[in-house]
Each structure stands twice: as structure tokens, then as C-alpha cells.
Amino acid sequence: MANILVVDDEMGIRELLSEILGDEGHAVTLAENAQQARQARAGGTPDLVLLDIWMPDTDGVTLLKEWQRDGLLTMPVIMMSGHATIDTAVEATRIGAMNFLEKPIAMQKLLKAVQAGLSRAQEAVRAPVMASRPVMPAPVEETSFGQVQVTQQPVTHNLGMARAVNGDNPIFNLSFDLPLREARDAFERMYFEHHLGREGGSMTRVAEKTGLERTHLYRKLKQLGVEPGKLSKKNQA
């Protein structure tokens, strides 16, 4: 999960981006103008910023220059606009923006740009750390997700696997060689199937358990290909 700051004066765009990025598991902070963006940046460094160019008080390029001047441009910034010229986009890139998205923004382009920005930020943080320490074997680590544990085995040249267990019963094996999105989808599918089965397919109780609104829960299950009705009948049988 990343902390993403969305700066845009249009409420509809802020809400849309917040919903899309929230469904991807990110924490989203919203700002409707440059002043709110300054306050959000002063409160901490976001992992990534989506910054609109045309805003009523201070435009995005000017704000980008301020952050660059004050040494606050320490995170990837993706510019957004439906009216910007090529010269504006080039100027923003020269100042320090890593990408430019033209409105209306296609969801796949948005997610691809966000992933690229977060990957660049992670590489920038990891590079000096890796250069200053010797390479050590990865320890065995167990992380709890409610009643489910995911055990991470040391990475070797063989196929890395993560085993999720519920009590003493193995539920699934997850290959570390899977792309991140596929691995996450596999875990989320198992997570929701577990709760749906335990709650008898009740969407209301599952929404309460998982902390999701019903509309978001329906959208997530459809995206993962999980059918609550089938799970409910299987559990009753």
C-alpha cells in the first residue's frame, strides 16, 4: 500500500481517482487546490503525487517549481491536464515531474503510470541501502492476516512458495514467481472466499468483517471472479 496525494480542483475527478486507487489498496489524500497540497506535503512525504496543472489559486507547474526550489520534490509527481500544451508538459518534466497524463485519464494508463512511479521511488530508496550492507540470506518470516498466516521462505534459485494456513490446514500455495498483481489477486480471492464461506454468503456481514462498503465489495468480488451464491450453497452442503 502506498500513500498517494491527489491534487485536483474538480471534485468528480478527485472522487474517481480516490475510488480507483483505493480499490488498488492505496491510501489516498485529496487536495482541491495548491494550498491544501502544501499543507498535505508539510504533514509528510507522500509516496506519489497526482497533480493537476490548471487550478484556480496556483497552477500545478508553479507548485512543482516551489517544491523543487524548497527541496520538497522528493517523491514522484505525475502531472494531469485536459488542456495543457506540449510545451507545458515538457516544462513540467524538466522541473522534475516523471510523467504526464492527459484527461480524461484511462484507468489502465493511470495504474501503469502510478505503478511506474512507485517502482521508481522504491528503487531510489533501496539503492543506497543495498549498497551499504552485505547480502544476507532472507529470514523465514510469518505475517498474520486474521486467522490466516503467510509464511515466506528464504529466496533460493528454486521456486519460492508461500503457504497460507488456517489453523493446521493448508489452503493454498502461492508462487513468489508470480507477478505482484496476480499474487495479490490470488490472496484476495482466498481471503474473500474464506469470509463468504464463514458468513454463509452474507454480503452485509462480509462487508462488516472486511471493512469495505457493499458497493466496493461487490466490485472487488466481480473483479476477482468470486461468486458469493456458489460459495454459500457449497458451504451449506
C-alpha atoms as a PDB file:
ATOM      1  CA  MET A   1       0.000   0.000   0.000  1.00  0.00           C
ATOM      2  CA  ALA A   2       1.262   3.455  -0.917  1.00  0.00           C
ATOM      3  CA  ASN A   3       0.277   6.913   0.315  1.00  0.00           C
ATOM      4  CA  ILE A   4      -0.830   8.908  -2.731  1.00  0.00           C
ATOM      5  CA  LEU A   5      -1.716  12.613  -2.794  1.00  0.00           C
ATOM      6  CA  VAL A   6      -4.279  13.618  -5.443  1.00  0.00           C
ATOM      7  CA  VAL A   7      -4.436  17.360  -6.210  1.00  0.00           C
ATOM      8  CA  ASP A   8      -7.271  18.475  -8.488  1.00  0.00           C
ATOM      9  CA  ASP A   9      -9.855  21.257  -8.285  1.00  0.00           C
ATOM     10  CA  GLU A  10     -12.605  19.090  -9.850  1.00  0.00           C
ATOM     11  CA  MET A  11     -14.459  17.104  -7.188  1.00  0.00           C
ATOM     12  CA  GLY A  12     -15.573  14.414  -9.648  1.00  0.00           C
ATOM     13  CA  ILE A  13     -12.001  13.678 -10.708  1.00  0.00           C
ATOM     14  CA  ARG A  14     -10.787  13.596  -7.101  1.00  0.00           C
ATOM     15  CA  GLU A  15     -13.502  11.125  -6.141  1.00  0.00           C
ATOM     16  CA  LEU A  16     -12.910   8.948  -9.202  1.00  0.00           C
ATOM     17  CA  LEU A  17      -9.151   8.754  -8.669  1.00  0.00           C
ATOM     18  CA  SER A  18      -9.667   8.122  -4.964  1.00  0.00           C
ATOM     19  CA  GLU A  19     -12.017   5.224  -5.704  1.00  0.00           C
ATOM     20  CA  ILE A  20      -9.729   3.644  -8.311  1.00  0.00           C
ATOM     21  CA  LEU A  21      -6.584   3.958  -6.206  1.00  0.00           C
ATOM     22  CA  GLY A  22      -8.423   2.898  -3.051  1.00  0.00           C
ATOM     23  CA  ASP A  23      -9.603  -0.268  -4.784  1.00  0.00           C
ATOM     24  CA  GLU A  24      -5.951  -0.936  -5.629  1.00  0.00           C
ATOM     25  CA  GLY A  25      -5.138  -0.872  -1.908  1.00  0.00           C
ATOM     26  CA  HIS A  26      -3.570   2.578  -1.679  1.00  0.00           C
ATOM     27  CA  ALA A  27      -4.235   5.243   0.959  1.00  0.00           C
ATOM     28  CA  VAL A  28      -5.357   8.419  -0.796  1.00  0.00           C
ATOM     29  CA  THR A  29      -5.194  12.015   0.444  1.00  0.00           C
ATOM     30  CA  LEU A  30      -7.212  14.587  -1.505  1.00  0.00           C
ATOM     31  CA  ALA A  31      -6.464  18.273  -2.063  1.00  0.00           C
ATOM     32  CA  GLU A  32      -8.616  20.608  -4.135  1.00  0.00           C
ATOM     33  CA  ASN A  33      -6.032  23.371  -4.564  1.00  0.00           C
ATOM     34  CA  ALA A  34      -2.361  24.203  -4.151  1.00  0.00           C
ATOM     35  CA  GLN A  35      -2.778  25.479  -0.583  1.00  0.00           C
ATOM     36  CA  GLN A  36      -4.244  22.178   0.584  1.00  0.00           C
ATOM     37  CA  ALA A  37      -1.493  20.359  -1.322  1.00  0.00           C
ATOM     38  CA  ARG A  38       1.145  22.404   0.518  1.00  0.00           C
ATOM     39  CA  GLN A  39      -0.436  21.510   3.846  1.00  0.00           C
ATOM     40  CA  ALA A  40      -0.558  17.824   2.932  1.00  0.00           C
ATOM     41  CA  ARG A  41       3.102  17.878   1.859  1.00  0.00           C
ATOM     42  CA  ALA A  42       4.087  19.675   5.073  1.00  0.00           C
ATOM     43  CA  GLY A  43       2.422  16.874   7.044  1.00  0.00           C
ATOM     44  CA  GLY A  44       4.620  14.202   5.490  1.00  0.00           C
ATOM     45  CA  THR A  45       6.114  12.967   2.249  1.00  0.00           C
ATOM     46  CA  PRO A  46       3.614  11.035   0.119  1.00  0.00           C
ATOM     47  CA  ASP A  47       4.874   8.098  -1.912  1.00  0.00           C
ATOM     48  CA  LEU A  48       3.496   9.701  -5.078  1.00  0.00           C
ATOM     49  CA  VAL A  49       1.572  12.816  -6.164  1.00  0.00           C
ATOM     50  CA  LEU A  50      -1.012  13.174  -8.927  1.00  0.00           C
ATOM     51  CA  LEU A  51      -1.016  16.913  -9.649  1.00  0.00           C
ATOM     52  CA  ASP A  52      -3.439  18.839 -11.857  1.00  0.00           C
ATOM     53  CA  ILE A  53      -1.918  21.648 -13.914  1.00  0.00           C
ATOM     54  CA  TRP A  54      -4.836  24.081 -14.117  1.00  0.00           C
ATOM     55  CA  MET A  55      -6.098  25.138 -10.674  1.00  0.00           C
ATOM     56  CA  PRO A  56      -7.727  28.401  -9.524  1.00  0.00           C
ATOM     57  CA  ASP A  57      -5.214  29.615  -6.921  1.00  0.00           C
ATOM     58  CA  THR A  58      -1.811  28.345  -8.002  1.00  0.00           C
ATOM     59  CA  ASP A  59      -1.286  26.176 -11.061  1.00  0.00           C
ATOM     60  CA  GLY A  60       0.396  22.780 -10.778  1.00  0.00           C
ATOM     61  CA  VAL A  61       3.574  23.778 -12.612  1.00  0.00           C
ATOM     62  CA  THR A  62       4.125  26.700 -10.212  1.00  0.00           C
ATOM     63  CA  LEU A  63       3.565  24.397  -7.227  1.00  0.00           C
ATOM     64  CA  LEU A  64       6.018  21.915  -8.728  1.00  0.00           C
ATOM     65  CA  LYS A  65       8.597  24.719  -9.004  1.00  0.00           C
ATOM     66  CA  GLU A  66       8.011  25.654  -5.343  1.00  0.00           C
ATOM     67  CA  TRP A  67       8.619  22.094  -4.183  1.00  0.00           C
ATOM     68  CA  GLN A  68      11.729  21.832  -6.361  1.00  0.00           C
ATOM     69  CA  ARG A  69      13.068  25.164  -5.057  1.00  0.00           C
ATOM     70  CA  ASP A  70      12.423  24.274  -1.403  1.00  0.00           C
ATOM     71  CA  GLY A  71      13.873  20.761  -1.626  1.00  0.00           C
ATOM     72  CA  LEU A  72      10.441  19.161  -1.197  1.00  0.00           C
ATOM     73  CA  LEU A  73      10.308  17.419  -4.558  1.00  0.00           C
ATOM     74  CA  THR A  74      11.478  14.128  -3.068  1.00  0.00           C
ATOM     75  CA  MET A  75       8.614  11.995  -4.402  1.00  0.00           C
ATOM     76  CA  PRO A  76       7.471  11.089  -7.917  1.00  0.00           C
ATOM     77  CA  VAL A  77       4.959  13.568  -9.358  1.00  0.00           C
ATOM     78  CA  ILE A  78       2.606  12.789 -12.230  1.00  0.00           C
ATOM     79  CA  MET A  79       1.030  15.829 -13.879  1.00  0.00           C
ATOM     80  CA  MET A  80      -2.566  15.781 -15.168  1.00  0.00           C
ATOM     81  CA  SER A  81      -4.424  18.112 -17.505  1.00  0.00           C
ATOM     82  CA  GLY A  82      -7.058  18.214 -20.192  1.00  0.00           C
ATOM     83  CA  HIS A  83      -5.878  21.497 -21.685  1.00  0.00           C
ATOM     84  CA  ALA A  84      -2.094  21.554 -21.354  1.00  0.00           C
ATOM     85  CA  THR A  85       0.136  22.114 -24.361  1.00  0.00           C
ATOM     86  CA  ILE A  86       3.188  20.067 -25.244  1.00  0.00           C
ATOM     87  CA  ASP A  87       5.374  22.948 -24.036  1.00  0.00           C
ATOM     88  CA  THR A  88       3.695  22.815 -20.622  1.00  0.00           C
ATOM     89  CA  ALA A  89       4.223  19.083 -20.342  1.00  0.00           C
ATOM     90  CA  VAL A  90       7.881  19.440 -21.366  1.00  0.00           C
ATOM     91  CA  GLU A  91       8.396  22.209 -18.814  1.00  0.00           C
ATOM     92  CA  ALA A  92       6.870  20.128 -16.029  1.00  0.00           C
ATOM     93  CA  THR A  93       9.118  17.195 -16.942  1.00  0.00           C
ATOM     94  CA  ARG A  94      12.159  19.468 -16.964  1.00  0.00           C
ATOM     95  CA  ILE A  95      11.323  20.716 -13.468  1.00  0.00           C
ATOM     96  CA  GLY A  96      11.036  17.201 -12.095  1.00  0.00           C
ATOM     97  CA  ALA A  97       7.690  15.614 -12.973  1.00  0.00           C
ATOM     98  CA  MET A  98       8.152  11.995 -14.038  1.00  0.00           C
ATOM     99  CA  ASN A  99       5.067  11.666 -16.238  1.00  0.00           C
ATOM    100  CA  PHE A 100       2.118  13.487 -17.767  1.00  0.00           C
ATOM    101  CA  LEU A 101      -1.427  12.147 -18.137  1.00  0.00           C
ATOM    102  CA  GLU A 102      -3.968  13.752 -20.415  1.00  0.00           C
ATOM    103  CA  LYS A 103      -7.592  13.976 -19.246  1.00  0.00           C
ATOM    104  CA  PRO A 104      -9.880  12.110 -19.474  1.00  0.00           C
ATOM    105  CA  ILE A 105      -7.487   9.592 -17.966  1.00  0.00           C
ATOM    106  CA  ALA A 106      -7.879   5.955 -18.977  1.00  0.00           C
ATOM    107  CA  MET A 107      -7.752   3.662 -15.933  1.00  0.00           C
ATOM    108  CA  GLN A 108      -5.064   1.380 -17.386  1.00  0.00           C
ATOM    109  CA  LYS A 109      -2.820   4.363 -18.210  1.00  0.00           C
ATOM    110  CA  LEU A 110      -3.359   5.721 -14.706  1.00  0.00           C
ATOM    111  CA  LEU A 111      -2.493   2.446 -12.982  1.00  0.00           C
ATOM    112  CA  LYS A 112       0.514   1.890 -15.231  1.00  0.00           C
ATOM    113  CA  ALA A 113       1.862   5.381 -14.525  1.00  0.00           C
ATOM    114  CA  VAL A 114       1.259   5.020 -10.774  1.00  0.00           C
ATOM    115  CA  GLN A 115       3.000   1.641 -10.664  1.00  0.00           C
ATOM    116  CA  ALA A 116       5.972   3.042 -12.593  1.00  0.00           C
ATOM    117  CA  GLY A 117       6.203   5.984 -10.212  1.00  0.00           C
ATOM    118  CA  LEU A 118       6.050   3.827  -7.096  1.00  0.00           C
ATOM    119  CA  SER A 119       8.630   1.429  -8.527  1.00  0.00           C
ATOM    120  CA  ARG A 120      10.995   4.318  -9.200  1.00  0.00           C
ATOM    121  CA  ALA A 121      10.530   5.622  -5.673  1.00  0.00           C
ATOM    122  CA  GLN A 122      11.241   2.187  -4.185  1.00  0.00           C
ATOM    123  CA  GLU A 123      14.380   1.816  -6.290  1.00  0.00           C
ATOM    124  CA  ALA A 124      15.621   5.233  -5.169  1.00  0.00           C
ATOM    125  CA  VAL A 125      15.163   4.271  -1.504  1.00  0.00           C
ATOM    126  CA  ARG A 126      16.579   0.771  -1.900  1.00  0.00           C
ATOM    127  CA  ALA A 127      19.712   1.663  -3.885  1.00  0.00           C
ATOM    128  CA  PRO A 128      21.755   3.399  -1.118  1.00  0.00           C
ATOM    129  CA  VAL A 129      20.642   0.831   1.463  1.00  0.00           C
ATOM    130  CA  MET A 130      21.653  -2.147  -0.659  1.00  0.00           C
ATOM    131  CA  ALA A 131      24.977  -0.527  -1.498  1.00  0.00           C
ATOM    132  CA  SER A 132      25.864  -0.086   2.186  1.00  0.00           C
ATOM    133  CA  ARG A 133      25.110  -3.559   3.522  1.00  0.00           C
ATOM    134  CA  PRO A 134      26.272  -7.096   2.714  1.00  0.00           C
ATOM    135  CA  VAL A 135      23.914  -9.522   1.054  1.00  0.00           C
ATOM    136  CA  MET A 136      22.343 -11.765   3.694  1.00  0.00           C
ATOM    137  CA  PRO A 137      20.030 -14.764   3.331  1.00  0.00           C
ATOM    138  CA  ALA A 138      16.372 -13.811   3.668  1.00  0.00           C
ATOM    139  CA  PRO A 139      14.943 -14.953   7.020  1.00  0.00           C
ATOM    140  CA  VAL A 140      11.824 -17.037   7.379  1.00  0.00           C
ATOM    141  CA  GLU A 141       9.075 -14.613   8.214  1.00  0.00           C
ATOM    142  CA  GLU A 142       5.456 -15.131   9.230  1.00  0.00           C
ATOM    143  CA  THR A 143       2.848 -12.423   8.778  1.00  0.00           C
ATOM    144  CA  SER A 144      -0.644 -12.853  10.204  1.00  0.00           C
ATOM    145  CA  PHE A 145      -3.774 -11.856   8.298  1.00  0.00           C
ATOM    146  CA  GLY A 146      -6.550 -12.510  10.842  1.00  0.00           C
ATOM    147  CA  GLN A 147      -6.585 -16.304  11.152  1.00  0.00           C
ATOM    148  CA  VAL A 148      -4.505 -16.746   8.020  1.00  0.00           C
ATOM    149  CA  GLN A 149      -0.715 -16.879   8.103  1.00  0.00           C
ATOM    150  CA  VAL A 150       1.554 -16.436   5.111  1.00  0.00           C
ATOM    151  CA  THR A 151       4.980 -17.974   5.604  1.00  0.00           C
ATOM    152  CA  GLN A 152       7.771 -16.545   3.483  1.00  0.00           C
ATOM    153  CA  GLN A 153      10.581 -18.965   2.739  1.00  0.00           C
ATOM    154  CA  PRO A 154      14.161 -17.839   2.003  1.00  0.00           C
ATOM    155  CA  VAL A 155      14.576 -16.969  -1.661  1.00  0.00           C
ATOM    156  CA  THR A 156      16.724 -19.521  -3.498  1.00  0.00           C
ATOM    157  CA  HIS A 157      17.288 -20.482  -7.093  1.00  0.00           C
ATOM    158  CA  ASN A 158      14.392 -22.916  -6.741  1.00  0.00           C
ATOM    159  CA  LEU A 159      10.751 -21.926  -6.997  1.00  0.00           C
ATOM    160  CA  GLY A 160       9.854 -19.739  -3.991  1.00  0.00           C
ATOM    161  CA  MET A 161       6.491 -20.596  -2.447  1.00  0.00           C
ATOM    162  CA  ALA A 162       4.290 -19.027   0.228  1.00  0.00           C
ATOM    163  CA  ARG A 163       1.853 -21.304   2.051  1.00  0.00           C
ATOM    164  CA  ALA A 164      -1.262 -19.887   3.662  1.00  0.00           C
ATOM    165  CA  VAL A 165      -2.692 -21.920   6.504  1.00  0.00           C
ATOM    166  CA  ASN A 166      -5.877 -21.666   8.514  1.00  0.00           C
ATOM    167  CA  GLY A 167      -5.023 -23.388  11.780  1.00  0.00           C
ATOM    168  CA  ASP A 168      -3.228 -26.571  10.717  1.00  0.00           C
ATOM    169  CA  ASN A 169      -4.946 -26.920   7.334  1.00  0.00           C
ATOM    170  CA  PRO A 170      -3.098 -25.636   4.253  1.00  0.00           C
ATOM    171  CA  ILE A 171      -5.305 -23.543   1.994  1.00  0.00           C
ATOM    172  CA  PHE A 172      -3.123 -22.696  -0.975  1.00  0.00           C
ATOM    173  CA  ASN A 173       0.432 -22.407  -2.209  1.00  0.00           C
ATOM    174  CA  LEU A 174       1.447 -19.111  -3.767  1.00  0.00           C
ATOM    175  CA  SER A 175       4.468 -18.873  -6.048  1.00  0.00           C
ATOM    176  CA  PHE A 176       6.813 -15.965  -5.458  1.00  0.00           C
ATOM    177  CA  ASP A 177       7.479 -16.047  -9.196  1.00  0.00           C
ATOM    178  CA  LEU A 178       4.002 -14.708  -9.922  1.00  0.00           C
ATOM    179  CA  PRO A 179       3.695 -11.035 -10.904  1.00  0.00           C
ATOM    180  CA  LEU A 180       2.709  -8.905  -7.904  1.00  0.00           C
ATOM    181  CA  ARG A 181      -0.813  -8.232  -9.173  1.00  0.00           C
ATOM    182  CA  GLU A 182      -1.524 -11.949  -9.756  1.00  0.00           C
ATOM    183  CA  ALA A 183      -0.130 -12.900  -6.343  1.00  0.00           C
ATOM    184  CA  ARG A 184      -2.224 -10.243  -4.642  1.00  0.00           C
ATOM    185  CA  ASP A 185      -5.368 -11.287  -6.533  1.00  0.00           C
ATOM    186  CA  ALA A 186      -4.778 -14.912  -5.512  1.00  0.00           C
ATOM    187  CA  PHE A 187      -4.531 -13.961  -1.854  1.00  0.00           C
ATOM    188  CA  GLU A 188      -7.529 -11.608  -2.001  1.00  0.00           C
ATOM    189  CA  ARG A 189      -9.622 -14.304  -3.709  1.00  0.00           C
ATOM    190  CA  MET A 190      -8.794 -16.766  -0.930  1.00  0.00           C
ATOM    191  CA  TYR A 191      -9.440 -14.076   1.716  1.00  0.00           C
ATOM    192  CA  PHE A 192     -12.920 -13.205   0.450  1.00  0.00           C
ATOM    193  CA  GLU A 193     -13.870 -16.841  -0.181  1.00  0.00           C
ATOM    194  CA  HIS A 194     -12.895 -17.623   3.414  1.00  0.00           C
ATOM    195  CA  HIS A 195     -15.116 -14.868   4.841  1.00  0.00           C
ATOM    196  CA  LEU A 196     -18.015 -15.589   2.469  1.00  0.00           C
ATOM    197  CA  GLY A 197     -17.946 -19.240   3.445  1.00  0.00           C
ATOM    198  CA  ARG A 198     -17.780 -18.462   7.143  1.00  0.00           C
ATOM    199  CA  GLU A 199     -20.623 -15.921   6.933  1.00  0.00           C
ATOM    200  CA  GLY A 200     -22.857 -18.134   4.773  1.00  0.00           C
ATOM    201  CA  GLY A 201     -22.573 -15.814   1.789  1.00  0.00           C
ATOM    202  CA  SER A 202     -23.974 -12.784   3.675  1.00  0.00           C
ATOM    203  CA  MET A 203     -22.622  -9.712   1.873  1.00  0.00           C
ATOM    204  CA  THR A 204     -23.633  -7.472   4.780  1.00  0.00           C
ATOM    205  CA  ARG A 205     -21.617  -9.442   7.346  1.00  0.00           C
ATOM    206  CA  VAL A 206     -18.651  -9.851   4.995  1.00  0.00           C
ATOM    207  CA  ALA A 207     -18.662  -6.099   4.325  1.00  0.00           C
ATOM    208  CA  GLU A 208     -18.546  -5.506   8.089  1.00  0.00           C
ATOM    209  CA  LYS A 209     -15.761  -8.067   8.580  1.00  0.00           C
ATOM    210  CA  THR A 210     -13.578  -6.740   5.778  1.00  0.00           C
ATOM    211  CA  GLY A 211     -14.260  -3.046   6.381  1.00  0.00           C
ATOM    212  CA  LEU A 212     -15.483  -2.443   2.821  1.00  0.00           C
ATOM    213  CA  GLU A 213     -18.631  -0.723   1.654  1.00  0.00           C
ATOM    214  CA  ARG A 214     -21.071  -3.108  -0.027  1.00  0.00           C
ATOM    215  CA  THR A 215     -20.634  -1.438  -3.442  1.00  0.00           C
ATOM    216  CA  HIS A 216     -16.854  -1.745  -3.209  1.00  0.00           C
ATOM    217  CA  LEU A 217     -17.188  -5.334  -2.021  1.00  0.00           C
ATOM    218  CA  TYR A 218     -19.429  -6.265  -4.977  1.00  0.00           C
ATOM    219  CA  ARG A 219     -16.973  -4.609  -7.381  1.00  0.00           C
ATOM    220  CA  LYS A 220     -13.990  -6.381  -5.823  1.00  0.00           C
ATOM    221  CA  LEU A 221     -15.663  -9.820  -5.915  1.00  0.00           C
ATOM    222  CA  LYS A 222     -16.665  -9.337  -9.549  1.00  0.00           C
ATOM    223  CA  GLN A 223     -13.120  -8.296 -10.402  1.00  0.00           C
ATOM    224  CA  LEU A 224     -11.718 -11.413  -8.691  1.00  0.00           C
ATOM    225  CA  GLY A 225     -14.324 -13.750 -10.214  1.00  0.00           C
ATOM    226  CA  VAL A 226     -15.740 -14.766  -6.827  1.00  0.00           C
ATOM    227  CA  GLU A 227     -19.428 -15.767  -6.846  1.00  0.00           C
ATOM    228  CA  PRO A 228     -20.986 -15.473  -3.349  1.00  0.00           C
ATOM    229  CA  GLY A 229     -24.032 -17.570  -4.263  1.00  0.00           C
ATOM    230  CA  LYS A 230     -21.973 -20.608  -5.232  1.00  0.00           C
ATOM    231  CA  LEU A 231     -19.861 -20.350  -2.093  1.00  0.00           C
ATOM    232  CA  SER A 232     -22.983 -20.118   0.074  1.00  0.00           C
ATOM    233  CA  LYS A 233     -24.506 -23.295  -1.494  1.00  0.00           C
ATOM    234  CA  LYS A 234     -21.197 -25.136  -1.183  1.00  0.00           C
ATOM    235  CA  ASN A 235     -20.893 -24.176   2.481  1.00  0.00           C
ATOM    236  CA  GLN A 236     -24.460 -25.332   3.224  1.00  0.00           C
ATOM    237  CA  ALA A 237     -23.799 -28.668   1.509  1.00  0.00           C
END
